[in-house]
Amino acid sequence: MEFEVELTDQAEEQLLNLDKASQKKVIKDIEKFKALGKNAVDSRDLDKNLYEIRSNNIRSIYTYKNNRMIIIGLIFMKKSQKTPKRYIIQAKKNLELI
C-alpha cells in the first residue's frame, strides 16, 4: 500500500533544524512508511487520530487523511520516556485537529 506524505510547514522547518544524521533517519523512516505502511516502522498511537513514528530519539507526530495520506505535524527530539502533552497539543494545532 503506497501512502502519500505531506509535512506541515512547522514539521518541515523542524526537520531542517535537525542534524544531518537525524534528518536521514527520519526521512528513511518516512520513506519506509510511504512504501510499506505503519507496520514497517516503529509507530504507536498517541491520541485519537494522532500517531508517532519513532526514529531513535526523534519523533514525528502524524495523522491520516483519506486513509491514503499521512500528514506529519510535528518533529522533535525526545528527551523523556513519555511524549510530553505539550507536543501532542502542538501537533494537534499544527494539524488543525483541535
N, C-alpha and C. Protein backbone atom coordinates (compact mmCIF):
# COMPACT_ATOMS: atom_id res chain seq x y z
N MET A 1 0.85 -1.18 0.00
CA MET A 1 0.00 0.00 0.00
C MET A 1 0.89 1.24 0.00
N GLU A 2 0.74 2.06 -0.98
CA GLU A 2 1.53 3.28 -1.11
C GLU A 2 0.79 4.45 -0.46
N PHE A 3 1.47 5.15 0.44
CA PHE A 3 0.91 6.33 1.09
C PHE A 3 1.55 7.58 0.52
N GLU A 4 0.80 8.64 0.51
CA GLU A 4 1.36 9.96 0.24
C GLU A 4 1.72 10.57 1.58
N VAL A 5 2.77 11.37 1.62
CA VAL A 5 3.19 12.01 2.85
C VAL A 5 3.31 13.50 2.61
N GLU A 6 2.77 14.24 3.55
CA GLU A 6 2.84 15.71 3.50
C GLU A 6 3.32 16.18 4.86
N LEU A 7 4.17 17.17 4.88
CA LEU A 7 4.63 17.77 6.13
C LEU A 7 4.03 19.16 6.26
N THR A 8 3.60 19.50 7.46
CA THR A 8 3.17 20.88 7.69
C THR A 8 4.41 21.77 7.58
N ASP A 9 4.20 23.06 7.44
CA ASP A 9 5.32 23.99 7.38
C ASP A 9 6.19 23.87 8.64
N GLN A 10 5.53 23.71 9.79
CA GLN A 10 6.26 23.59 11.05
C GLN A 10 7.12 22.33 11.07
N ALA A 11 6.56 21.21 10.62
CA ALA A 11 7.31 19.95 10.62
C ALA A 11 8.48 20.02 9.65
N GLU A 12 8.28 20.66 8.52
CA GLU A 12 9.36 20.79 7.54
C GLU A 12 10.51 21.62 8.12
N GLU A 13 10.17 22.70 8.80
CA GLU A 13 11.19 23.53 9.44
C GLU A 13 11.92 22.75 10.54
N GLN A 14 11.16 21.99 11.33
CA GLN A 14 11.76 21.20 12.41
C GLN A 14 12.69 20.12 11.84
N LEU A 15 12.31 19.52 10.74
CA LEU A 15 13.16 18.52 10.09
C LEU A 15 14.47 19.16 9.64
N LEU A 16 14.39 20.32 9.03
CA LEU A 16 15.58 21.00 8.55
C LEU A 16 16.50 21.46 9.68
N ASN A 17 15.94 21.64 10.88
CA ASN A 17 16.73 22.07 12.03
C ASN A 17 17.47 20.91 12.70
N LEU A 18 17.15 19.66 12.33
CA LEU A 18 17.86 18.51 12.88
C LEU A 18 19.23 18.39 12.24
N ASP A 19 20.15 17.71 12.93
CA ASP A 19 21.45 17.45 12.32
C ASP A 19 21.26 16.49 11.14
N LYS A 20 22.24 16.42 10.26
CA LYS A 20 22.12 15.65 9.01
C LYS A 20 21.84 14.17 9.26
N ALA A 21 22.48 13.57 10.25
CA ALA A 21 22.26 12.15 10.53
C ALA A 21 20.82 11.90 10.98
N SER A 22 20.29 12.78 11.82
CA SER A 22 18.90 12.63 12.28
C SER A 22 17.93 12.86 11.14
N GLN A 23 18.21 13.84 10.28
CA GLN A 23 17.37 14.07 9.10
C GLN A 23 17.29 12.82 8.25
N LYS A 24 18.43 12.19 7.99
CA LYS A 24 18.47 10.99 7.16
C LYS A 24 17.64 9.87 7.77
N LYS A 25 17.73 9.68 9.09
CA LYS A 25 16.98 8.63 9.76
C LYS A 25 15.48 8.89 9.65
N VAL A 26 15.06 10.13 9.90
CA VAL A 26 13.63 10.47 9.82
C VAL A 26 13.12 10.27 8.39
N ILE A 27 13.87 10.76 7.42
CA ILE A 27 13.46 10.62 6.02
C ILE A 27 13.39 9.16 5.62
N LYS A 28 14.36 8.36 6.06
CA LYS A 28 14.36 6.92 5.76
C LYS A 28 13.09 6.26 6.32
N ASP A 29 12.73 6.59 7.56
CA ASP A 29 11.52 6.01 8.16
C ASP A 29 10.26 6.48 7.45
N ILE A 30 10.22 7.73 7.05
CA ILE A 30 9.05 8.25 6.31
C ILE A 30 8.93 7.52 4.97
N GLU A 31 10.05 7.30 4.30
CA GLU A 31 10.03 6.58 3.02
C GLU A 31 9.56 5.14 3.20
N LYS A 32 10.01 4.49 4.28
CA LYS A 32 9.54 3.11 4.56
C LYS A 32 8.04 3.11 4.82
N PHE A 33 7.56 4.10 5.57
CA PHE A 33 6.12 4.21 5.83
C PHE A 33 5.36 4.40 4.52
N LYS A 34 5.86 5.28 3.66
CA LYS A 34 5.20 5.54 2.38
C LYS A 34 5.03 4.26 1.58
N ALA A 35 6.05 3.45 1.54
CA ALA A 35 6.04 2.26 0.70
C ALA A 35 5.31 1.08 1.34
N LEU A 36 5.48 0.90 2.65
CA LEU A 36 5.01 -0.33 3.28
C LEU A 36 3.96 -0.15 4.38
N GLY A 37 3.73 1.08 4.80
CA GLY A 37 2.71 1.33 5.82
C GLY A 37 3.24 1.36 7.24
N LYS A 38 2.33 1.50 8.16
CA LYS A 38 2.62 1.72 9.58
C LYS A 38 3.46 0.61 10.20
N ASN A 39 3.24 -0.63 9.77
CA ASN A 39 3.95 -1.75 10.38
C ASN A 39 5.41 -1.84 9.97
N ALA A 40 5.84 -1.07 8.99
CA ALA A 40 7.22 -1.09 8.52
C ALA A 40 8.15 -0.23 9.38
N VAL A 41 7.57 0.61 10.23
CA VAL A 41 8.36 1.50 11.08
C VAL A 41 7.92 1.32 12.53
N ASP A 42 8.71 1.86 13.44
CA ASP A 42 8.35 1.85 14.85
C ASP A 42 7.34 2.96 15.07
N SER A 43 6.07 2.59 15.17
CA SER A 43 4.99 3.57 15.26
C SER A 43 4.04 3.18 16.38
N ARG A 44 3.43 4.18 16.99
CA ARG A 44 2.44 3.88 18.03
C ARG A 44 1.37 4.95 18.08
N ASP A 45 0.23 4.60 18.68
CA ASP A 45 -0.88 5.53 18.85
C ASP A 45 -0.55 6.48 20.01
N LEU A 46 -0.89 7.76 19.84
CA LEU A 46 -0.70 8.75 20.89
C LEU A 46 -2.03 9.21 21.48
N ASP A 47 -2.98 9.46 20.61
CA ASP A 47 -4.25 10.05 20.99
C ASP A 47 -5.23 9.72 19.88
N LYS A 48 -6.47 10.14 20.01
CA LYS A 48 -7.44 9.89 18.95
C LYS A 48 -6.96 10.52 17.64
N ASN A 49 -6.79 9.70 16.61
CA ASN A 49 -6.34 10.14 15.28
C ASN A 49 -4.95 10.78 15.28
N LEU A 50 -4.13 10.44 16.24
CA LEU A 50 -2.78 11.00 16.32
C LEU A 50 -1.80 9.88 16.65
N TYR A 51 -0.72 9.81 15.88
CA TYR A 51 0.24 8.72 15.99
C TYR A 51 1.65 9.28 15.92
N GLU A 52 2.64 8.44 16.28
CA GLU A 52 4.02 8.89 16.16
C GLU A 52 4.87 7.82 15.50
N ILE A 53 5.81 8.28 14.70
CA ILE A 53 6.85 7.43 14.15
C ILE A 53 8.08 7.67 15.02
N ARG A 54 8.67 6.58 15.51
CA ARG A 54 9.84 6.71 16.36
C ARG A 54 11.10 6.37 15.57
N SER A 55 11.95 7.36 15.41
CA SER A 55 13.23 7.21 14.70
C SER A 55 14.33 7.48 15.72
N ASN A 56 14.77 6.42 16.40
CA ASN A 56 15.69 6.57 17.53
C ASN A 56 15.07 7.53 18.54
N ASN A 57 15.71 8.67 18.81
CA ASN A 57 15.16 9.62 19.78
C ASN A 57 14.41 10.78 19.11
N ILE A 58 14.10 10.63 17.84
CA ILE A 58 13.33 11.65 17.11
C ILE A 58 11.90 11.13 16.94
N ARG A 59 10.94 11.99 17.16
CA ARG A 59 9.54 11.62 16.99
C ARG A 59 8.89 12.48 15.91
N SER A 60 8.10 11.83 15.06
CA SER A 60 7.33 12.52 14.02
C SER A 60 5.87 12.23 14.30
N ILE A 61 5.13 13.23 14.70
CA ILE A 61 3.71 13.05 15.03
C ILE A 61 2.88 13.29 13.78
N TYR A 62 1.96 12.36 13.50
CA TYR A 62 1.19 12.42 12.25
C TYR A 62 -0.26 12.00 12.45
N THR A 63 -1.05 12.24 11.42
CA THR A 63 -2.43 11.79 11.36
C THR A 63 -2.68 11.28 9.94
N TYR A 64 -3.79 10.58 9.77
CA TYR A 64 -4.17 10.09 8.45
C TYR A 64 -5.20 11.03 7.82
N LYS A 65 -5.19 11.08 6.50
CA LYS A 65 -6.20 11.83 5.76
C LYS A 65 -6.63 10.92 4.61
N ASN A 66 -7.90 10.63 4.53
CA ASN A 66 -8.47 9.79 3.46
C ASN A 66 -7.84 8.41 3.39
N ASN A 67 -7.29 7.91 4.49
CA ASN A 67 -6.69 6.57 4.60
C ASN A 67 -5.55 6.31 3.62
N ARG A 68 -5.12 7.29 2.86
CA ARG A 68 -4.05 7.09 1.88
C ARG A 68 -2.92 8.11 2.04
N MET A 69 -3.12 9.07 2.91
CA MET A 69 -2.11 10.11 3.08
C MET A 69 -1.86 10.29 4.56
N ILE A 70 -0.60 10.48 4.90
CA ILE A 70 -0.31 10.88 6.27
C ILE A 70 0.22 12.31 6.23
N ILE A 71 -0.14 13.05 7.24
CA ILE A 71 0.32 14.43 7.36
C ILE A 71 1.12 14.52 8.66
N ILE A 72 2.38 14.87 8.53
CA ILE A 72 3.23 14.99 9.70
C ILE A 72 3.14 16.42 10.20
N GLY A 73 2.75 16.55 11.46
CA GLY A 73 2.50 17.87 12.03
C GLY A 73 3.59 18.39 12.94
N LEU A 74 4.46 17.50 13.42
CA LEU A 74 5.47 17.93 14.38
C LEU A 74 6.61 16.92 14.39
N ILE A 75 7.84 17.41 14.41
CA ILE A 75 9.01 16.56 14.53
C ILE A 75 9.85 17.14 15.66
N PHE A 76 10.24 16.30 16.61
CA PHE A 76 11.02 16.79 17.74
C PHE A 76 11.94 15.72 18.28
N MET A 77 12.96 16.15 19.03
CA MET A 77 13.89 15.25 19.67
C MET A 77 13.34 14.93 21.06
N LYS A 78 13.12 13.67 21.30
CA LYS A 78 12.53 13.24 22.57
C LYS A 78 13.59 13.12 23.64
N LYS A 79 13.29 13.65 24.82
CA LYS A 79 14.24 13.62 25.92
C LYS A 79 13.71 12.93 27.16
N SER A 80 12.45 12.48 27.13
CA SER A 80 11.86 11.81 28.28
C SER A 80 11.17 10.52 27.82
N GLN A 81 10.82 9.68 28.78
CA GLN A 81 10.21 8.39 28.47
C GLN A 81 8.87 8.53 27.75
N LYS A 82 8.03 9.41 28.25
CA LYS A 82 6.69 9.60 27.69
C LYS A 82 6.66 10.87 26.84
N THR A 83 5.91 10.83 25.74
CA THR A 83 5.77 12.02 24.89
C THR A 83 5.05 13.11 25.69
N PRO A 84 5.71 14.25 25.89
CA PRO A 84 5.08 15.33 26.67
C PRO A 84 3.77 15.81 26.04
N LYS A 85 2.80 16.09 26.88
CA LYS A 85 1.48 16.54 26.44
C LYS A 85 1.57 17.80 25.57
N ARG A 86 2.52 18.67 25.86
CA ARG A 86 2.64 19.92 25.09
C ARG A 86 2.96 19.64 23.62
N TYR A 87 3.69 18.55 23.35
CA TYR A 87 3.97 18.19 21.95
C TYR A 87 2.73 17.66 21.26
N ILE A 88 1.92 16.92 21.99
CA ILE A 88 0.66 16.42 21.42
C ILE A 88 -0.27 17.59 21.10
N ILE A 89 -0.37 18.55 22.02
CA ILE A 89 -1.21 19.73 21.81
C ILE A 89 -0.70 20.54 20.62
N GLN A 90 0.62 20.73 20.54
CA GLN A 90 1.19 21.50 19.43
C GLN A 90 0.96 20.79 18.10
N ALA A 91 1.11 19.47 18.07
CA ALA A 91 0.86 18.70 16.83
C ALA A 91 -0.59 18.85 16.40
N LYS A 92 -1.51 18.77 17.35
CA LYS A 92 -2.93 18.93 17.02
C LYS A 92 -3.20 20.31 16.42
N LYS A 93 -2.58 21.34 17.00
CA LYS A 93 -2.75 22.68 16.46
C LYS A 93 -2.20 22.76 15.03
N ASN A 94 -1.01 22.22 14.85
CA ASN A 94 -0.39 22.24 13.53
C ASN A 94 -1.24 21.48 12.50
N LEU A 95 -1.88 20.41 12.96
CA LEU A 95 -2.71 19.59 12.08
C LEU A 95 -4.17 20.03 12.07
N GLU A 96 -4.46 21.06 12.84
CA GLU A 96 -5.83 21.60 12.95
C GLU A 96 -6.83 20.55 13.40
N LEU A 97 -6.42 19.74 14.43
CA LEU A 97 -7.30 18.71 14.98
C LEU A 97 -8.01 19.16 16.23
N ILE A 98 -7.68 20.34 16.72
CA ILE A 98 -8.34 20.83 17.94
C ILE A 98 -9.60 21.58 17.57
